[in-house]
C-alpha atoms as a PDB file:
ATOM      1  CA  MET A   1       8.313   8.239 -92.215  1.00  0.00           C
ATOM      2  CA  VAL A   2       5.021  10.070 -91.716  1.00  0.00           C
ATOM      3  CA  PHE A   3       3.411   7.488 -93.975  1.00  0.00           C
ATOM      4  CA  LEU A   4       4.627   4.659 -91.698  1.00  0.00           C
ATOM      5  CA  VAL A   5       3.223   6.366 -88.623  1.00  0.00           C
ATOM      6  CA  ILE A   6      -0.161   6.932 -90.279  1.00  0.00           C
ATOM      7  CA  ILE A   7      -0.393   3.331 -91.497  1.00  0.00           C
ATOM      8  CA  SER A   8       0.652   2.076 -88.046  1.00  0.00           C
ATOM      9  CA  LEU A   9      -1.994   4.189 -86.342  1.00  0.00           C
ATOM     10  CA  VAL A  10      -4.630   2.844 -88.730  1.00  0.00           C
ATOM     11  CA  PHE A  11      -3.587  -0.719 -87.822  1.00  0.00           C
ATOM     12  CA  LEU A  12      -3.688   0.111 -84.103  1.00  0.00           C
ATOM     13  CA  THR A  13      -7.125   1.726 -84.249  1.00  0.00           C
ATOM     14  CA  THR A  14      -8.734  -0.948 -86.416  1.00  0.00           C
ATOM     15  CA  SER A  15     -11.339  -2.808 -84.357  1.00  0.00           C
ATOM     16  CA  HIS A  16     -10.995  -6.529 -83.866  1.00  0.00           C
ATOM     17  CA  THR A  17     -14.125  -7.146 -85.983  1.00  0.00           C
ATOM     18  CA  GLN A  18     -12.795  -5.098 -88.891  1.00  0.00           C
ATOM     19  CA  ALA A  19      -9.397  -6.725 -88.583  1.00  0.00           C
ATOM     20  CA  SER A  20     -10.808 -10.238 -88.636  1.00  0.00           C
ATOM     21  CA  GLU A  21     -12.259  -9.383 -92.040  1.00  0.00           C
ATOM     22  CA  ILE A  22      -9.089  -7.755 -93.458  1.00  0.00           C
ATOM     23  CA  TYR A  23      -5.990  -9.447 -92.017  1.00  0.00           C
ATOM     24  CA  PRO A  24      -6.810 -13.124 -92.668  1.00  0.00           C
ATOM     25  CA  THR A  25      -6.619 -12.333 -96.375  1.00  0.00           C
ATOM     26  CA  ILE A  26      -2.911 -11.564 -95.943  1.00  0.00           C
ATOM     27  CA  GLY A  27      -2.423 -14.454 -93.538  1.00  0.00           C
ATOM     28  CA  ILE A  28      -1.010 -12.480 -90.582  1.00  0.00           C
ATOM     29  CA  PRO A  29      -2.585 -12.759 -87.128  1.00  0.00           C
ATOM     30  CA  LEU A  30      -4.054  -9.489 -85.813  1.00  0.00           C
ATOM     31  CA  GLU A  31      -1.809  -9.498 -82.723  1.00  0.00           C
ATOM     32  CA  ILE A  32       1.340  -9.604 -84.867  1.00  0.00           C
ATOM     33  CA  VAL A  33       0.064  -6.716 -86.978  1.00  0.00           C
ATOM     34  CA  GLN A  34      -0.658  -4.659 -83.858  1.00  0.00           C
ATOM     35  CA  TYR A  35       2.775  -5.399 -82.310  1.00  0.00           C
ATOM     36  CA  ALA A  36       4.444  -4.531 -85.590  1.00  0.00           C
ATOM     37  CA  SER A  37       2.460  -1.295 -85.682  1.00  0.00           C
ATOM     38  CA  VAL A  38       3.592  -0.324 -82.196  1.00  0.00           C
ATOM     39  CA  PHE A  39       7.176  -1.092 -83.188  1.00  0.00           C
ATOM     40  CA  MET A  40       6.898   0.975 -86.381  1.00  0.00           C
ATOM     41  CA  VAL A  41       5.467   3.960 -84.496  1.00  0.00           C
ATOM     42  CA  SER A  42       8.167   3.729 -81.811  1.00  0.00           C
ATOM     43  CA  PHE A  43      10.945   3.315 -84.357  1.00  0.00           C
ATOM     44  CA  SER A  44       9.676   6.184 -86.501  1.00  0.00           C
ATOM     45  CA  LEU A  45       9.385   8.551 -83.542  1.00  0.00           C
ATOM     46  CA  GLY A  46      12.821   7.543 -82.256  1.00  0.00           C
ATOM     47  CA  ALA A  47      14.403   8.105 -85.663  1.00  0.00           C
ATOM     48  CA  TRP A  48      12.669  11.459 -85.964  1.00  0.00           C
ATOM     49  CA  MET A  49      13.900  12.536 -82.517  1.00  0.00           C
ATOM     50  CA  LEU A  50      17.483  11.525 -83.335  1.00  0.00           C
ATOM     51  CA  ARG A  51      17.344  13.418 -86.614  1.00  0.00           C
ATOM     52  CA  GLU A  52      15.981  16.514 -84.863  1.00  0.00           C
ATOM     53  CA  ARG A  53      18.689  16.298 -82.175  1.00  0.00           C
ATOM     54  CA  TYR A  54      21.416  15.968 -84.817  1.00  0.00           C
ATOM     55  CA  GLN A  55      20.075  18.886 -86.850  1.00  0.00           C
ATOM     56  CA  HIS A  56      19.770  21.004 -83.702  1.00  0.00           C
ATOM     57  CA  THR A  57      23.362  20.210 -82.701  1.00  0.00           C
ATOM     58  CA  GLN A  58      24.560  21.128 -86.182  1.00  0.00           C
ATOM     59  CA  THR A  59      22.610  24.392 -86.016  1.00  0.00           C
ATOM     60  CA  VAL A  60      24.271  25.306 -82.719  1.00  0.00           C
ATOM     61  CA  LYS A  61      27.707  24.495 -84.103  1.00  0.00           C
ATOM     62  CA  ASN A  62      27.094  26.452 -87.283  1.00  0.00           C
ATOM     63  CA  LYS A  63      25.686  29.542 -85.557  1.00  0.00           C
ATOM     64  CA  GLN A  64      28.621  29.680 -83.143  1.00  0.00           C
ATOM     65  CA  ASN A  65      26.432  30.460 -80.120  1.00  0.00           C
ATOM     66  CA  PHE A  66      24.119  28.820 -77.630  1.00  0.00           C
ATOM     67  CA  SER A  67      21.289  31.348 -77.621  1.00  0.00           C
ATOM     68  CA  THR A  68      19.009  29.091 -79.669  1.00  0.00           C
ATOM     69  CA  ILE A  69      19.014  26.107 -77.300  1.00  0.00           C
ATOM     70  CA  SER A  70      17.555  25.403 -73.866  1.00  0.00           C
ATOM     71  CA  TRP A  71      19.554  24.689 -70.717  1.00  0.00           C
ATOM     72  CA  ARG A  72      18.623  21.008 -71.042  1.00  0.00           C
ATOM     73  CA  ASP A  73      19.951  20.874 -74.622  1.00  0.00           C
ATOM     74  CA  PHE A  74      23.110  22.612 -73.425  1.00  0.00           C
ATOM     75  CA  GLU A  75      23.630  19.872 -70.810  1.00  0.00           C
ATOM     76  CA  GLU A  76      22.965  17.182 -73.415  1.00  0.00           C
ATOM     77  CA  LEU A  77      25.522  18.757 -75.736  1.00  0.00           C
ATOM     78  CA  ALA A  78      28.091  18.636 -72.927  1.00  0.00           C
ATOM     79  CA  GLY A  79      27.278  14.974 -72.305  1.00  0.00           C
ATOM     80  CA  GLU A  80      27.608  14.217 -76.009  1.00  0.00           C
ATOM     81  CA  TYR A  81      30.983  15.971 -76.082  1.00  0.00           C
ATOM     82  CA  TYR A  82      32.340  13.831 -73.223  1.00  0.00           C
ATOM     83  CA  ARG A  83      30.959  10.619 -74.706  1.00  0.00           C
ATOM     84  CA  LYS A  84      32.795  11.358 -77.955  1.00  0.00           C
ATOM     85  CA  LYS A  85      35.967  11.873 -75.907  1.00  0.00           C
ATOM     86  CA  GLY A  86      35.653   8.315 -74.555  1.00  0.00           C
ATOM     87  CA  TYR A  87      34.023   9.008 -71.191  1.00  0.00           C
ATOM     88  CA  SER A  88      31.105   7.100 -69.764  1.00  0.00           C
ATOM     89  CA  VAL A  89      28.598   9.768 -68.850  1.00  0.00           C
ATOM     90  CA  GLN A  90      25.869   9.719 -66.235  1.00  0.00           C
ATOM     91  CA  VAL A  91      23.298  12.514 -66.399  1.00  0.00           C
ATOM     92  CA  VAL A  92      22.523  13.734 -62.892  1.00  0.00           C
ATOM     93  CA  GLY A  93      21.104  17.218 -63.415  1.00  0.00           C
ATOM     94  CA  GLY A  94      17.556  18.098 -64.159  1.00  0.00           C
ATOM     95  CA  SER A  95      14.859  20.505 -63.158  1.00  0.00           C
ATOM     96  CA  GLY A  96      15.168  19.587 -59.468  1.00  0.00           C
ATOM     97  CA  GLY A  97      18.082  20.044 -57.110  1.00  0.00           C
ATOM     98  CA  ASP A  98      21.070  18.234 -58.546  1.00  0.00           C
ATOM     99  CA  GLY A  99      23.544  19.151 -55.826  1.00  0.00           C
ATOM    100  CA  GLY A 100      25.592  21.137 -58.318  1.00  0.00           C
ATOM    101  CA  ILE A 101      26.284  18.163 -60.563  1.00  0.00           C
ATOM    102  CA  ASP A 102      24.841  17.941 -64.050  1.00  0.00           C
ATOM    103  CA  LEU A 103      27.045  15.142 -65.392  1.00  0.00           C
ATOM    104  CA  ILE A 104      29.438  12.592 -63.969  1.00  0.00           C
ATOM    105  CA  ALA A 105      32.039  11.647 -66.557  1.00  0.00           C
ATOM    106  CA  LYS A 106      34.303   8.658 -65.900  1.00  0.00           C
ATOM    107  CA  LYS A 107      37.351   7.535 -67.810  1.00  0.00           C
ATOM    108  CA  ARG A 108      40.163   5.243 -66.665  1.00  0.00           C
ATOM    109  CA  PHE A 109      38.830   5.120 -63.094  1.00  0.00           C
ATOM    110  CA  ARG A 110      38.897   8.913 -62.821  1.00  0.00           C
ATOM    111  CA  LYS A 111      35.737  10.746 -61.887  1.00  0.00           C
ATOM    112  CA  THR A 112      35.016  14.192 -63.308  1.00  0.00           C
ATOM    113  CA  ILE A 113      31.966  16.152 -62.270  1.00  0.00           C
ATOM    114  CA  VAL A 114      30.563  18.594 -64.793  1.00  0.00           C
ATOM    115  CA  GLN A 115      28.388  21.609 -64.097  1.00  0.00           C
ATOM    116  CA  CYS A 116      26.742  23.330 -67.064  1.00  0.00           C
ATOM    117  CA  LYS A 117      25.657  26.945 -66.832  1.00  0.00           C
ATOM    118  CA  HIS A 118      23.476  28.190 -69.674  1.00  0.00           C
ATOM    119  CA  TRP A 119      23.475  31.777 -68.416  1.00  0.00           C
ATOM    120  CA  LYS A 120      23.667  35.143 -70.113  1.00  0.00           C
ATOM    121  CA  ASN A 121      25.515  36.679 -67.150  1.00  0.00           C
ATOM    122  CA  LYS A 122      29.136  35.964 -66.280  1.00  0.00           C
ATOM    123  CA  ILE A 123      29.792  33.064 -63.918  1.00  0.00           C
ATOM    124  CA  GLY A 124      31.206  34.332 -60.647  1.00  0.00           C
ATOM    125  CA  VAL A 125      33.639  32.961 -58.105  1.00  0.00           C
ATOM    126  CA  SER A 126      30.858  31.728 -55.770  1.00  0.00           C
ATOM    127  CA  ILE A 127      29.824  29.055 -58.311  1.00  0.00           C
ATOM    128  CA  VAL A 128      33.441  27.947 -58.763  1.00  0.00           C
ATOM    129  CA  ARG A 129      33.990  27.743 -54.986  1.00  0.00           C
ATOM    130  CA  GLU A 130      30.783  25.774 -54.567  1.00  0.00           C
ATOM    131  CA  MET A 131      31.814  23.287 -57.241  1.00  0.00           C
ATOM    132  CA  PHE A 132      35.249  22.901 -55.655  1.00  0.00           C
ATOM    133  CA  GLY A 133      33.474  21.865 -52.444  1.00  0.00           C
ATOM    134  CA  VAL A 134      31.177  19.509 -54.340  1.00  0.00           C
ATOM    135  CA  MET A 135      34.217  17.945 -56.017  1.00  0.00           C
ATOM    136  CA  HIS A 136      35.714  17.097 -52.606  1.00  0.00           C
ATOM    137  CA  ALA A 137      32.390  15.902 -51.181  1.00  0.00           C
ATOM    138  CA  GLU A 138      31.914  13.578 -54.173  1.00  0.00           C
ATOM    139  CA  SER A 139      35.529  12.301 -54.093  1.00  0.00           C
ATOM    140  CA  ALA A 140      35.959  13.387 -57.702  1.00  0.00           C
ATOM    141  CA  HIS A 141      39.354  13.951 -59.297  1.00  0.00           C
ATOM    142  CA  ARG A 142      38.358  17.186 -60.970  1.00  0.00           C
ATOM    143  CA  VAL A 143      35.476  19.488 -61.797  1.00  0.00           C
ATOM    144  CA  VAL A 144      34.627  21.079 -65.128  1.00  0.00           C
ATOM    145  CA  ILE A 145      32.321  24.075 -65.335  1.00  0.00           C
ATOM    146  CA  ILE A 146      31.023  24.738 -68.827  1.00  0.00           C
ATOM    147  CA  CYS A 147      29.184  27.987 -69.435  1.00  0.00           C
ATOM    148  CA  SER A 148      27.516  29.486 -72.466  1.00  0.00           C
ATOM    149  CA  GLY A 149      29.092  32.870 -71.756  1.00  0.00           C
ATOM    150  CA  GLN A 150      32.141  33.968 -69.771  1.00  0.00           C
ATOM    151  CA  PHE A 151      33.684  33.702 -66.296  1.00  0.00           C
ATOM    152  CA  THR A 152      34.615  36.621 -64.074  1.00  0.00           C
ATOM    153  CA  SER A 153      38.307  37.320 -63.465  1.00  0.00           C
ATOM    154  CA  GLU A 154      37.795  36.340 -59.792  1.00  0.00           C
ATOM    155  CA  ALA A 155      36.430  32.935 -60.850  1.00  0.00           C
ATOM    156  CA  ILE A 156      39.400  32.379 -63.166  1.00  0.00           C
ATOM    157  CA  ALA A 157      41.857  33.404 -60.433  1.00  0.00           C
ATOM    158  CA  PHE A 158      40.251  31.038 -57.890  1.00  0.00           C
ATOM    159  CA  ALA A 159      40.426  28.066 -60.295  1.00  0.00           C
ATOM    160  CA  GLU A 160      44.137  28.536 -61.011  1.00  0.00           C
ATOM    161  CA  GLY A 161      46.292  25.736 -59.627  1.00  0.00           C
ATOM    162  CA  LYS A 162      43.274  23.628 -58.656  1.00  0.00           C
ATOM    163  CA  PRO A 163      41.728  20.634 -60.421  1.00  0.00           C
ATOM    164  CA  ILE A 164      39.062  22.952 -61.844  1.00  0.00           C
ATOM    165  CA  GLU A 165      38.607  23.480 -65.563  1.00  0.00           C
ATOM    166  CA  LEU A 166      36.594  26.489 -66.678  1.00  0.00           C
ATOM    167  CA  VAL A 167      35.235  26.231 -70.219  1.00  0.00           C
ATOM    168  CA  ASP A 168      33.606  29.383 -71.576  1.00  0.00           C
ATOM    169  CA  GLY A 169      31.143  29.490 -74.486  1.00  0.00           C
ATOM    170  CA  PRO A 170      33.600  30.277 -77.314  1.00  0.00           C
ATOM    171  CA  THR A 171      36.008  27.571 -76.098  1.00  0.00           C
ATOM    172  CA  PHE A 172      33.201  25.025 -75.879  1.00  0.00           C
ATOM    173  CA  ILE A 173      32.080  25.842 -79.454  1.00  0.00           C
ATOM    174  CA  LYS A 174      35.666  25.279 -80.664  1.00  0.00           C
ATOM    175  CA  ARG A 175      35.821  21.922 -78.881  1.00  0.00           C
ATOM    176  CA  LEU A 176      32.481  20.828 -80.327  1.00  0.00           C
ATOM    177  CA  ASN A 177      33.698  21.666 -83.827  1.00  0.00           C
ATOM    178  CA  LYS A 178      36.902  19.584 -83.581  1.00  0.00           C
END
């Protein structure tokens, strides 16, 4: 793959004068060679990124913890999990204000909002209450809060009997490994 990228970069950086001397001998117009080079670079980088993402996901699953990944990777893992479960997933969260929603997962006309918390501390009741309000404001059917650690007993008590699912780190690892 590295070889393809290097060859593609050579084709892209070859001046038009040099190319007019080289490429006619193989009978391919310079523009086609340059477009093919851009495609090869893009394809190679895309394949590399997918391979890295897969290997990183496998590493997280094998280590049984989330300490080695960033908050963004944690959100992406949650999105991947819901996609594999047959949901269509819209990524909402990011570095800016996301209104408490990281993902919107839809399946069979039911809207689930997902909040991911990649925190070392326990998730308290205030977060769960906030997400319950967001769920109503967004006309969602339920809310799922996935954290890399644990929830406080107050948070668990508040969620009982409500359309709120709390998924702690160990539970999420088990689900990813199914």
